[in-house]
Amino acid sequence: SPFGVGRDFHPGIDIAGRVGLPVIATASGVVSFSGWDQGFGKSVRIDHANGFETLYAHLEQVVVYENEKVTRGEVIGYLGNTGLSTGPHLHYGVLRNRVPVDPTRYIIDF
């Protein structure tokens, strides 16, 4: 898999953690999706208006709404184990022009 662990294509990275840890927006933007996804469970997508979108999935709780403006560092939800998940973690993805790209290329404070 190009980005994460596993045999299948995994368009993002998984970051293990405890249920309930805060998840923050990695960049400012507008929430384009906030809700339930069959595979990703409770998830948030943020549009950064320059062709980039970030995805935060398997959340226990989402605290932002669609069309809400968020700023870098703002809490958008809490780490969980929802959807098709094998344990508590954050699935973090970056899309450029709707195509998944390696998120590790864009993480500066990890």
PDB file of N, CA and C in Angstrom:
ATOM      1  N   SER A   1       0.831  -1.184   0.000  1.00  0.00           N
ATOM      2  CA  SER A   1       0.000   0.000   0.000  1.00  0.00           C
ATOM      3  C   SER A   1       0.875   1.247   0.000  1.00  0.00           C
ATOM      4  N   PRO A   2       0.531   2.227  -0.790  1.00  0.00           N
ATOM      5  CA  PRO A   2       1.397   3.383  -0.954  1.00  0.00           C
ATOM      6  C   PRO A   2       1.603   4.222   0.302  1.00  0.00           C
ATOM      7  N   PHE A   3       0.572   4.400   1.142  1.00  0.00           N
ATOM      8  CA  PHE A   3       0.710   5.347   2.240  1.00  0.00           C
ATOM      9  C   PHE A   3       0.695   4.696   3.606  1.00  0.00           C
ATOM     10  N   GLY A   4      -0.179   3.714   3.815  1.00  0.00           N
ATOM     11  CA  GLY A   4      -0.302   3.117   5.137  1.00  0.00           C
ATOM     12  C   GLY A   4       0.134   1.674   5.130  1.00  0.00           C
ATOM     13  N   VAL A   5      -0.132   1.011   6.220  1.00  0.00           N
ATOM     14  CA  VAL A   5       0.243  -0.382   6.373  1.00  0.00           C
ATOM     15  C   VAL A   5      -0.864  -1.266   5.827  1.00  0.00           C
ATOM     16  N   GLY A   6      -0.484  -2.352   5.171  1.00  0.00           N
ATOM     17  CA  GLY A   6      -1.480  -3.300   4.684  1.00  0.00           C
ATOM     18  C   GLY A   6      -1.255  -3.670   3.238  1.00  0.00           C
ATOM     19  N   ARG A   7      -1.992  -4.682   2.782  1.00  0.00           N
ATOM     20  CA  ARG A   7      -1.851  -5.178   1.417  1.00  0.00           C
ATOM     21  C   ARG A   7      -2.608  -4.330   0.414  1.00  0.00           C
ATOM     22  N   ASP A   8      -3.717  -3.758   0.828  1.00  0.00           N
ATOM     23  CA  ASP A   8      -4.570  -3.016  -0.085  1.00  0.00           C
ATOM     24  C   ASP A   8      -4.182  -1.539  -0.119  1.00  0.00           C
ATOM     25  N   PHE A   9      -4.648  -0.854  -1.157  1.00  0.00           N
ATOM     26  CA  PHE A   9      -4.422   0.584  -1.257  1.00  0.00           C
ATOM     27  C   PHE A   9      -5.014   1.265  -0.033  1.00  0.00           C
ATOM     28  N   HIS A  10      -4.243   2.092   0.599  1.00  0.00           N
ATOM     29  CA  HIS A  10      -4.651   2.745   1.842  1.00  0.00           C
ATOM     30  C   HIS A  10      -4.352   4.232   1.704  1.00  0.00           C
ATOM     31  N   PRO A  11      -5.329   5.018   1.244  1.00  0.00           N
ATOM     32  CA  PRO A  11      -5.072   6.421   0.903  1.00  0.00           C
ATOM     33  C   PRO A  11      -4.979   7.353   2.105  1.00  0.00           C
ATOM     34  N   GLY A  12      -4.048   7.090   2.975  1.00  0.00           N
ATOM     35  CA  GLY A  12      -3.862   7.914   4.159  1.00  0.00           C
ATOM     36  C   GLY A  12      -2.944   7.207   5.129  1.00  0.00           C
ATOM     37  N   ILE A  13      -2.866   7.732   6.334  1.00  0.00           N
ATOM     38  CA  ILE A  13      -2.080   7.091   7.383  1.00  0.00           C
ATOM     39  C   ILE A  13      -2.966   6.898   8.604  1.00  0.00           C
ATOM     40  N   ASP A  14      -2.633   5.899   9.397  1.00  0.00           N
ATOM     41  CA  ASP A  14      -3.346   5.626  10.637  1.00  0.00           C
ATOM     42  C   ASP A  14      -2.451   6.008  11.805  1.00  0.00           C
ATOM     43  N   ILE A  15      -3.014   6.761  12.734  1.00  0.00           N
ATOM     44  CA  ILE A  15      -2.279   7.206  13.910  1.00  0.00           C
ATOM     45  C   ILE A  15      -2.998   6.648  15.132  1.00  0.00           C
ATOM     46  N   ALA A  16      -2.359   5.697  15.806  1.00  0.00           N
ATOM     47  CA  ALA A  16      -2.968   5.034  16.961  1.00  0.00           C
ATOM     48  C   ALA A  16      -3.073   6.002  18.134  1.00  0.00           C
ATOM     49  N   GLY A  17      -4.073   5.769  18.968  1.00  0.00           N
ATOM     50  CA  GLY A  17      -4.250   6.600  20.153  1.00  0.00           C
ATOM     51  C   GLY A  17      -5.401   6.096  20.995  1.00  0.00           C
ATOM     52  N   ARG A  18      -5.658   6.794  22.087  1.00  0.00           N
ATOM     53  CA  ARG A  18      -6.752   6.435  22.987  1.00  0.00           C
ATOM     54  C   ARG A  18      -8.049   7.087  22.534  1.00  0.00           C
ATOM     55  N   VAL A  19      -9.133   6.368  22.694  1.00  0.00           N
ATOM     56  CA  VAL A  19     -10.449   6.931  22.406  1.00  0.00           C
ATOM     57  C   VAL A  19     -10.637   8.188  23.249  1.00  0.00           C
ATOM     58  N   GLY A  20     -11.090   9.236  22.608  1.00  0.00           N
ATOM     59  CA  GLY A  20     -11.363  10.482  23.310  1.00  0.00           C
ATOM     60  C   GLY A  20     -10.291  11.544  23.193  1.00  0.00           C
ATOM     61  N   LEU A  21      -9.123  11.194  22.632  1.00  0.00           N
ATOM     62  CA  LEU A  21      -8.091  12.212  22.442  1.00  0.00           C
ATOM     63  C   LEU A  21      -8.577  13.238  21.418  1.00  0.00           C
ATOM     64  N   PRO A  22      -8.298  14.531  21.621  1.00  0.00           N
ATOM     65  CA  PRO A  22      -8.751  15.536  20.658  1.00  0.00           C
ATOM     66  C   PRO A  22      -8.037  15.401  19.320  1.00  0.00           C
ATOM     67  N   VAL A  23      -8.776  15.627  18.244  1.00  0.00           N
ATOM     68  CA  VAL A  23      -8.240  15.642  16.883  1.00  0.00           C
ATOM     69  C   VAL A  23      -8.365  17.080  16.395  1.00  0.00           C
ATOM     70  N   ILE A  24      -7.261  17.634  15.882  1.00  0.00           N
ATOM     71  CA  ILE A  24      -7.268  19.030  15.457  1.00  0.00           C
ATOM     72  C   ILE A  24      -7.121  19.152  13.943  1.00  0.00           C
ATOM     73  N   ALA A  25      -7.632  20.254  13.416  1.00  0.00           N
ATOM     74  CA  ALA A  25      -7.478  20.561  11.994  1.00  0.00           C
ATOM     75  C   ALA A  25      -6.013  20.886  11.726  1.00  0.00           C
ATOM     76  N   THR A  26      -5.460  20.284  10.681  1.00  0.00           N
ATOM     77  CA  THR A  26      -4.054  20.522  10.358  1.00  0.00           C
ATOM     78  C   THR A  26      -3.857  21.791   9.541  1.00  0.00           C
ATOM     79  N   ALA A  27      -4.942  22.341   9.008  1.00  0.00           N
ATOM     80  CA  ALA A  27      -4.885  23.600   8.262  1.00  0.00           C
ATOM     81  C   ALA A  27      -6.271  24.241   8.304  1.00  0.00           C
ATOM     82  N   SER A  28      -6.322  25.530   8.108  1.00  0.00           N
ATOM     83  CA  SER A  28      -7.600  26.245   8.092  1.00  0.00           C
ATOM     84  C   SER A  28      -8.381  25.928   6.824  1.00  0.00           C
ATOM     85  N   GLY A  29      -9.710  25.994   6.921  1.00  0.00           N
ATOM     86  CA  GLY A  29     -10.550  25.734   5.759  1.00  0.00           C
ATOM     87  C   GLY A  29     -12.013  25.708   6.141  1.00  0.00           C
ATOM     88  N   VAL A  30     -12.816  25.100   5.267  1.00  0.00           N
ATOM     89  CA  VAL A  30     -14.258  24.986   5.472  1.00  0.00           C
ATOM     90  C   VAL A  30     -14.629  23.510   5.491  1.00  0.00           C
ATOM     91  N   VAL A  31     -15.412  23.100   6.476  1.00  0.00           N
ATOM     92  CA  VAL A  31     -15.831  21.700   6.598  1.00  0.00           C
ATOM     93  C   VAL A  31     -16.738  21.358   5.417  1.00  0.00           C
ATOM     94  N   SER A  32     -16.303  20.393   4.599  1.00  0.00           N
ATOM     95  CA  SER A  32     -17.091  19.979   3.431  1.00  0.00           C
ATOM     96  C   SER A  32     -17.942  18.750   3.729  1.00  0.00           C
ATOM     97  N   PHE A  33     -17.580  18.002   4.778  1.00  0.00           N
ATOM     98  CA  PHE A  33     -18.379  16.849   5.207  1.00  0.00           C
ATOM     99  C   PHE A  33     -18.172  16.653   6.690  1.00  0.00           C
ATOM    100  N   SER A  34     -19.256  16.359   7.394  1.00  0.00           N
ATOM    101  CA  SER A  34     -19.205  16.053   8.815  1.00  0.00           C
ATOM    102  C   SER A  34     -20.330  15.073   9.095  1.00  0.00           C
ATOM    103  N   GLY A  35     -19.976  13.828   9.380  1.00  0.00           N
ATOM    104  CA  GLY A  35     -21.019  12.849   9.627  1.00  0.00           C
ATOM    105  C   GLY A  35     -20.526  11.426   9.515  1.00  0.00           C
ATOM    106  N   TRP A  36     -21.459  10.537   9.153  1.00  0.00           N
ATOM    107  CA  TRP A  36     -21.186   9.102   9.098  1.00  0.00           C
ATOM    108  C   TRP A  36     -20.846   8.673   7.680  1.00  0.00           C
ATOM    109  N   ASP A  37     -19.780   7.906   7.542  1.00  0.00           N
ATOM    110  CA  ASP A  37     -19.385   7.288   6.285  1.00  0.00           C
ATOM    111  C   ASP A  37     -19.320   5.792   6.532  1.00  0.00           C
ATOM    112  N   GLN A  38     -19.840   4.999   5.601  1.00  0.00           N
ATOM    113  CA  GLN A  38     -19.926   3.547   5.793  1.00  0.00           C
ATOM    114  C   GLN A  38     -18.598   2.923   6.209  1.00  0.00           C
ATOM    115  N   GLY A  39     -17.517   3.276   5.542  1.00  0.00           N
ATOM    116  CA  GLY A  39     -16.216   2.693   5.870  1.00  0.00           C
ATOM    117  C   GLY A  39     -15.461   3.457   6.936  1.00  0.00           C
ATOM    118  N   PHE A  40     -15.494   4.783   6.841  1.00  0.00           N
ATOM    119  CA  PHE A  40     -14.702   5.627   7.735  1.00  0.00           C
ATOM    120  C   PHE A  40     -15.399   5.944   9.050  1.00  0.00           C
ATOM    121  N   GLY A  41     -16.654   5.550   9.205  1.00  0.00           N
ATOM    122  CA  GLY A  41     -17.381   5.876  10.426  1.00  0.00           C
ATOM    123  C   GLY A  41     -17.587   7.374  10.542  1.00  0.00           C
ATOM    124  N   LYS A  42     -17.608   7.867  11.774  1.00  0.00           N
ATOM    125  CA  LYS A  42     -17.755   9.314  11.978  1.00  0.00           C
ATOM    126  C   LYS A  42     -16.499   9.991  11.436  1.00  0.00           C
ATOM    127  N   SER A  43     -16.697  10.931  10.524  1.00  0.00           N
ATOM    128  CA  SER A  43     -15.546  11.539   9.870  1.00  0.00           C
ATOM    129  C   SER A  43     -15.804  12.989   9.505  1.00  0.00           C
ATOM    130  N   VAL A  44     -14.698  13.685   9.235  1.00  0.00           N
ATOM    131  CA  VAL A  44     -14.728  15.094   8.848  1.00  0.00           C
ATOM    132  C   VAL A  44     -13.807  15.271   7.648  1.00  0.00           C
ATOM    133  N   ARG A  45     -14.285  16.040   6.660  1.00  0.00           N
ATOM    134  CA  ARG A  45     -13.439  16.464   5.546  1.00  0.00           C
ATOM    135  C   ARG A  45     -13.405  17.986   5.544  1.00  0.00           C
ATOM    136  N   ILE A  46     -12.209  18.535   5.343  1.00  0.00           N
ATOM    137  CA  ILE A  46     -12.040  19.987   5.313  1.00  0.00           C
ATOM    138  C   ILE A  46     -11.474  20.394   3.961  1.00  0.00           C
ATOM    139  N   ASP A  47     -12.145  21.355   3.324  1.00  0.00           N
ATOM    140  CA  ASP A  47     -11.707  21.912   2.045  1.00  0.00           C
ATOM    141  C   ASP A  47     -10.823  23.120   2.336  1.00  0.00           C
ATOM    142  N   HIS A  48      -9.612  23.093   1.778  1.00  0.00           N
ATOM    143  CA  HIS A  48      -8.659  24.172   2.023  1.00  0.00           C
ATOM    144  C   HIS A  48      -8.581  25.156   0.863  1.00  0.00           C
ATOM    145  N   ALA A  49      -9.518  25.066  -0.090  1.00  0.00           N
ATOM    146  CA  ALA A  49      -9.746  26.037  -1.165  1.00  0.00           C
ATOM    147  C   ALA A  49      -8.637  26.151  -2.201  1.00  0.00           C
ATOM    148  N   ASN A  50      -7.559  25.426  -2.068  1.00  0.00           N
ATOM    149  CA  ASN A  50      -6.478  25.497  -3.048  1.00  0.00           C
ATOM    150  C   ASN A  50      -6.264  24.139  -3.717  1.00  0.00           C
ATOM    151  N   GLY A  51      -7.350  23.363  -3.803  1.00  0.00           N
ATOM    152  CA  GLY A  51      -7.253  22.027  -4.382  1.00  0.00           C
ATOM    153  C   GLY A  51      -6.967  20.954  -3.351  1.00  0.00           C
ATOM    154  N   PHE A  52      -6.699  21.356  -2.109  1.00  0.00           N
ATOM    155  CA  PHE A  52      -6.395  20.393  -1.054  1.00  0.00           C
ATOM    156  C   PHE A  52      -7.602  20.167  -0.160  1.00  0.00           C
ATOM    157  N   GLU A  53      -7.746  18.926   0.285  1.00  0.00           N
ATOM    158  CA  GLU A  53      -8.784  18.547   1.236  1.00  0.00           C
ATOM    159  C   GLU A  53      -8.148  17.564   2.213  1.00  0.00           C
ATOM    160  N   THR A  54      -8.503  17.668   3.494  1.00  0.00           N
ATOM    161  CA  THR A  54      -8.014  16.705   4.476  1.00  0.00           C
ATOM    162  C   THR A  54      -9.182  15.894   5.016  1.00  0.00           C
ATOM    163  N   LEU A  55      -8.880  14.653   5.393  1.00  0.00           N
ATOM    164  CA  LEU A  55      -9.869  13.707   5.902  1.00  0.00           C
ATOM    165  C   LEU A  55      -9.421  13.216   7.265  1.00  0.00           C
ATOM    166  N   TYR A  56     -10.356  13.182   8.199  1.00  0.00           N
ATOM    167  CA  TYR A  56     -10.121  12.702   9.560  1.00  0.00           C
ATOM    168  C   TYR A  56     -11.210  11.675   9.830  1.00  0.00           C
ATOM    169  N   ALA A  57     -10.844  10.410  10.041  1.00  0.00           N
ATOM    170  CA  ALA A  57     -11.861   9.357  10.088  1.00  0.00           C
ATOM    171  C   ALA A  57     -11.739   8.464  11.320  1.00  0.00           C
ATOM    172  N   HIS A  58     -12.806   7.702  11.566  1.00  0.00           N
ATOM    173  CA  HIS A  58     -12.971   6.763  12.684  1.00  0.00           C
ATOM    174  C   HIS A  58     -13.122   7.501  14.013  1.00  0.00           C
ATOM    175  N   LEU A  59     -13.678   8.705  13.961  1.00  0.00           N
ATOM    176  CA  LEU A  59     -13.817   9.535  15.159  1.00  0.00           C
ATOM    177  C   LEU A  59     -14.903   9.002  16.092  1.00  0.00           C
ATOM    178  N   GLU A  60     -14.711   9.220  17.372  1.00  0.00           N
ATOM    179  CA  GLU A  60     -15.721   8.890  18.384  1.00  0.00           C
ATOM    180  C   GLU A  60     -16.819   9.951  18.389  1.00  0.00           C
ATOM    181  N   GLN A  61     -16.388  11.193  18.232  1.00  0.00           N
ATOM    182  CA  GLN A  61     -17.324  12.315  18.243  1.00  0.00           C
ATOM    183  C   GLN A  61     -16.823  13.384  17.283  1.00  0.00           C
ATOM    184  N   VAL A  62     -17.749  13.990  16.556  1.00  0.00           N
ATOM    185  CA  VAL A  62     -17.461  15.102  15.651  1.00  0.00           C
ATOM    186  C   VAL A  62     -18.045  16.362  16.277  1.00  0.00           C
ATOM    187  N   VAL A  63     -17.281  17.463  16.291  1.00  0.00           N
ATOM    188  CA  VAL A  63     -17.775  18.684  16.938  1.00  0.00           C
ATOM    189  C   VAL A  63     -17.837  19.879  15.978  1.00  0.00           C
ATOM    190  N   VAL A  64     -17.751  19.614  14.673  1.00  0.00           N
ATOM    191  CA  VAL A  64     -17.892  20.669  13.671  1.00  0.00           C
ATOM    192  C   VAL A  64     -19.004  20.287  12.703  1.00  0.00           C
ATOM    193  N   TYR A  65     -19.496  21.263  11.982  1.00  0.00           N
ATOM    194  CA  TYR A  65     -20.621  21.067  11.073  1.00  0.00           C
ATOM    195  C   TYR A  65     -20.224  21.445   9.651  1.00  0.00           C
ATOM    196  N   GLU A  66     -20.939  20.885   8.678  1.00  0.00           N
ATOM    197  CA  GLU A  66     -20.681  21.228   7.283  1.00  0.00           C
ATOM    198  C   GLU A  66     -20.839  22.728   7.080  1.00  0.00           C
ATOM    199  N   ASN A  67     -19.966  23.277   6.245  1.00  0.00           N
ATOM    200  CA  ASN A  67     -19.900  24.711   5.912  1.00  0.00           C
ATOM    201  C   ASN A  67     -19.346  25.587   7.032  1.00  0.00           C
ATOM    202  N   GLU A  68     -18.911  24.976   8.133  1.00  0.00           N
ATOM    203  CA  GLU A  68     -18.299  25.738   9.226  1.00  0.00           C
ATOM    204  C   GLU A  68     -16.842  26.033   8.880  1.00  0.00           C
ATOM    205  N   LYS A  69     -16.396  27.265   9.149  1.00  0.00           N
ATOM    206  CA  LYS A  69     -14.992  27.623   8.967  1.00  0.00           C
ATOM    207  C   LYS A  69     -14.216  27.150  10.190  1.00  0.00           C
ATOM    208  N   VAL A  70     -13.071  26.512   9.945  1.00  0.00           N
ATOM    209  CA  VAL A  70     -12.210  26.055  11.033  1.00  0.00           C
ATOM    210  C   VAL A  70     -10.808  26.612  10.811  1.00  0.00           C
ATOM    211  N   THR A  71     -10.080  26.752  11.905  1.00  0.00           N
ATOM    212  CA  THR A  71      -8.713  27.251  11.814  1.00  0.00           C
ATOM    213  C   THR A  71      -7.735  26.162  12.215  1.00  0.00           C
ATOM    214  N   ARG A  72      -6.519  26.277  11.719  1.00  0.00           N
ATOM    215  CA  ARG A  72      -5.475  25.314  12.053  1.00  0.00           C
ATOM    216  C   ARG A  72      -5.341  25.239  13.572  1.00  0.00           C
ATOM    217  N   GLY A  73      -5.327  24.001  14.092  1.00  0.00           N
ATOM    218  CA  GLY A  73      -5.193  23.789  15.527  1.00  0.00           C
ATOM    219  C   GLY A  73      -6.505  23.678  16.276  1.00  0.00           C
ATOM    220  N   GLU A  74      -7.620  23.949  15.606  1.00  0.00           N
ATOM    221  CA  GLU A  74      -8.941  23.864  16.241  1.00  0.00           C
ATOM    222  C   GLU A  74      -9.372  22.403  16.389  1.00  0.00           C
ATOM    223  N   VAL A  75      -9.953  22.063  17.538  1.00  0.00           N
ATOM    224  CA  VAL A  75     -10.477  20.709  17.748  1.00  0.00           C
ATOM    225  C   VAL A  75     -11.692  20.512  16.847  1.00  0.00           C
ATOM    226  N   ILE A  76     -11.664  19.421  16.054  1.00  0.00           N
ATOM    227  CA  ILE A  76     -12.776  19.116  15.144  1.00  0.00           C
ATOM    228  C   ILE A  76     -13.510  17.841  15.546  1.00  0.00           C
ATOM    229  N   GLY A  77     -12.910  17.075  16.459  1.00  0.00           N
ATOM    230  CA  GLY A  77     -13.529  15.835  16.910  1.00  0.00           C
ATOM    231  C   GLY A  77     -12.622  15.126  17.893  1.00  0.00           C
ATOM    232  N   TYR A  78     -13.013  13.875  18.205  1.00  0.00           N
ATOM    233  CA  TYR A  78     -12.259  13.089  19.180  1.00  0.00           C
ATOM    234  C   TYR A  78     -11.999  11.700  18.626  1.00  0.00           C
ATOM    235  N   LEU A  79     -10.777  11.230  18.824  1.00  0.00           N
ATOM    236  CA  LEU A  79     -10.329   9.948  18.291  1.00  0.00           C
ATOM    237  C   LEU A  79     -11.257   8.821  18.724  1.00  0.00           C
ATOM    238  N   GLY A  80     -11.490   7.886  17.803  1.00  0.00           N
ATOM    239  CA  GLY A  80     -12.412   6.801  18.112  1.00  0.00           C
ATOM    240  C   GLY A  80     -12.095   5.507  17.401  1.00  0.00           C
ATOM    241  N   ASN A  81     -13.138   4.709  17.221  1.00  0.00           N
ATOM    242  CA  ASN A  81     -13.014   3.369  16.650  1.00  0.00           C
ATOM    243  C   ASN A  81     -14.281   3.045  15.851  1.00  0.00           C
ATOM    244  N   THR A  82     -14.802   4.028  15.105  1.00  0.00           N
ATOM    245  CA  THR A  82     -16.055   3.842  14.380  1.00  0.00           C
ATOM    246  C   THR A  82     -15.796   3.411  12.937  1.00  0.00           C
ATOM    247  N   GLY A  83     -16.828   2.867  12.303  1.00  0.00           N
ATOM    248  CA  GLY A  83     -16.693   2.408  10.919  1.00  0.00           C
ATOM    249  C   GLY A  83     -15.906   1.116  10.845  1.00  0.00           C
ATOM    250  N   LEU A  84     -15.268   0.883   9.702  1.00  0.00           N
ATOM    251  CA  LEU A  84     -14.457  -0.324   9.513  1.00  0.00           C
ATOM    252  C   LEU A  84     -13.084  -0.083  10.123  1.00  0.00           C
ATOM    253  N   SER A  85     -12.980  -0.364  11.394  1.00  0.00           N
ATOM    254  CA  SER A  85     -11.773  -0.078  12.161  1.00  0.00           C
ATOM    255  C   SER A  85     -11.434  -1.279  13.029  1.00  0.00           C
ATOM    256  N   THR A  86     -10.144  -1.539  13.181  1.00  0.00           N
ATOM    257  CA  THR A  86      -9.712  -2.683  13.991  1.00  0.00           C
ATOM    258  C   THR A  86      -9.258  -2.269  15.387  1.00  0.00           C
ATOM    259  N   GLY A  87      -9.302  -0.980  15.672  1.00  0.00           N
ATOM    260  CA  GLY A  87      -8.903  -0.482  16.981  1.00  0.00           C
ATOM    261  C   GLY A  87      -8.892   1.036  16.961  1.00  0.00           C
ATOM    262  N   PRO A  88      -8.783   1.660  18.136  1.00  0.00           N
ATOM    263  CA  PRO A  88      -8.820   3.119  18.212  1.00  0.00           C
ATOM    264  C   PRO A  88      -7.664   3.761  17.435  1.00  0.00           C
ATOM    265  N   HIS A  89      -8.002   4.638  16.513  1.00  0.00           N
ATOM    266  CA  HIS A  89      -6.984   5.359  15.759  1.00  0.00           C
ATOM    267  C   HIS A  89      -7.630   6.470  14.946  1.00  0.00           C
ATOM    268  N   LEU A  90      -6.797   7.372  14.468  1.00  0.00           N
ATOM    269  CA  LEU A  90      -7.219   8.395  13.519  1.00  0.00           C
ATOM    270  C   LEU A  90      -6.715   7.988  12.148  1.00  0.00           C
ATOM    271  N   HIS A  91      -7.605   7.929  11.173  1.00  0.00           N
ATOM    272  CA  HIS A  91      -7.184   7.789   9.779  1.00  0.00           C
ATOM    273  C   HIS A  91      -7.112   9.204   9.233  1.00  0.00           C
ATOM    274  N   TYR A  92      -5.918   9.604   8.779  1.00  0.00           N
ATOM    275  CA  TYR A  92      -5.698  10.953   8.268  1.00  0.00           C
ATOM    276  C   TYR A  92      -5.323  10.869   6.801  1.00  0.00           C
ATOM    277  N   GLY A  93      -6.056  11.595   5.975  1.00  0.00           N
ATOM    278  CA  GLY A  93      -5.780  11.589   4.548  1.00  0.00           C
ATOM    279  C   GLY A  93      -5.701  12.990   3.987  1.00  0.00           C
ATOM    280  N   VAL A  94      -4.932  13.123   2.913  1.00  0.00           N
ATOM    281  CA  VAL A  94      -4.830  14.384   2.181  1.00  0.00           C
ATOM    282  C   VAL A  94      -5.167  14.102   0.728  1.00  0.00           C
ATOM    283  N   LEU A  95      -6.045  14.917   0.161  1.00  0.00           N
ATOM    284  CA  LEU A  95      -6.379  14.804  -1.258  1.00  0.00           C
ATOM    285  C   LEU A  95      -5.988  16.105  -1.953  1.00  0.00           C
ATOM    286  N   ARG A  96      -5.414  15.964  -3.140  1.00  0.00           N
ATOM    287  CA  ARG A  96      -5.100  17.130  -3.969  1.00  0.00           C
ATOM    288  C   ARG A  96      -5.869  16.981  -5.261  1.00  0.00           C
ATOM    289  N   ASN A  97      -6.753  17.913  -5.543  1.00  0.00           N
ATOM    290  CA  ASN A  97      -7.647  17.820  -6.703  1.00  0.00           C
ATOM    291  C   ASN A  97      -8.389  16.487  -6.716  1.00  0.00           C
ATOM    292  N   ARG A  98      -8.866  16.093  -5.525  1.00  0.00           N
ATOM    293  CA  ARG A  98      -9.668  14.879  -5.287  1.00  0.00           C
ATOM    294  C   ARG A  98      -8.899  13.565  -5.442  1.00  0.00           C
ATOM    295  N   VAL A  99      -7.578  13.643  -5.567  1.00  0.00           N
ATOM    296  CA  VAL A  99      -6.740  12.452  -5.686  1.00  0.00           C
ATOM    297  C   VAL A  99      -5.940  12.300  -4.395  1.00  0.00           C
ATOM    298  N   PRO A 100      -5.987  11.107  -3.751  1.00  0.00           N
ATOM    299  CA  PRO A 100      -5.207  10.911  -2.525  1.00  0.00           C
ATOM    300  C   PRO A 100      -3.706  11.069  -2.781  1.00  0.00           C
ATOM    301  N   VAL A 101      -3.053  11.785  -1.887  1.00  0.00           N
ATOM    302  CA  VAL A 101      -1.603  11.950  -1.931  1.00  0.00           C
ATOM    303  C   VAL A 101      -1.037  11.535  -0.578  1.00  0.00           C
ATOM    304  N   ASP A 102       0.260  11.313  -0.531  1.00  0.00           N
ATOM    305  CA  ASP A 102       0.915  10.863   0.697  1.00  0.00           C
ATOM    306  C   ASP A 102       0.866  11.976   1.749  1.00  0.00           C
ATOM    307  N   PRO A 103       0.101  11.778   2.836  1.00  0.00           N
ATOM    308  CA  PRO A 103      -0.031  12.843   3.840  1.00  0.00           C
ATOM    309  C   PRO A 103       1.263  13.162   4.567  1.00  0.00           C
ATOM    310  N   THR A 104       2.196  12.237   4.617  1.00  0.00           N
ATOM    311  CA  THR A 104       3.445  12.506   5.337  1.00  0.00           C
ATOM    312  C   THR A 104       4.243  13.618   4.662  1.00  0.00           C
ATOM    313  N   ARG A 105       3.948  13.910   3.401  1.00  0.00           N
ATOM    314  CA  ARG A 105       4.632  15.002   2.697  1.00  0.00           C
ATOM    315  C   ARG A 105       4.155  16.366   3.177  1.00  0.00           C
ATOM    316  N   TYR A 106       3.037  16.395   3.911  1.00  0.00           N
ATOM    317  CA  TYR A 106       2.446  17.659   4.323  1.00  0.00           C
ATOM    318  C   TYR A 106       2.406  17.842   5.833  1.00  0.00           C
ATOM    319  N   ILE A 107       2.902  16.882   6.581  1.00  0.00           N
ATOM    320  CA  ILE A 107       2.905  16.990   8.045  1.00  0.00           C
ATOM    321  C   ILE A 107       4.183  17.697   8.465  1.00  0.00           C
ATOM    322  N   ILE A 108       4.035  18.835   9.144  1.00  0.00           N
ATOM    323  CA  ILE A 108       5.221  19.585   9.546  1.00  0.00           C
ATOM    324  C   ILE A 108       5.459  19.563  11.054  1.00  0.00           C
ATOM    325  N   ASP A 109       4.424  19.306  11.837  1.00  0.00           N
ATOM    326  CA  ASP A 109       4.573  19.312  13.298  1.00  0.00           C
ATOM    327  C   ASP A 109       4.236  17.956  13.906  1.00  0.00           C
ATOM    328  N   PHE A 110       4.558  16.881  13.235  1.00  0.00           N
ATOM    329  CA  PHE A 110       4.151  15.549  13.681  1.00  0.00           C
ATOM    330  C   PHE A 110       5.118  15.014  14.696  1.00  0.00           C
TER     331      PHE A 110
END
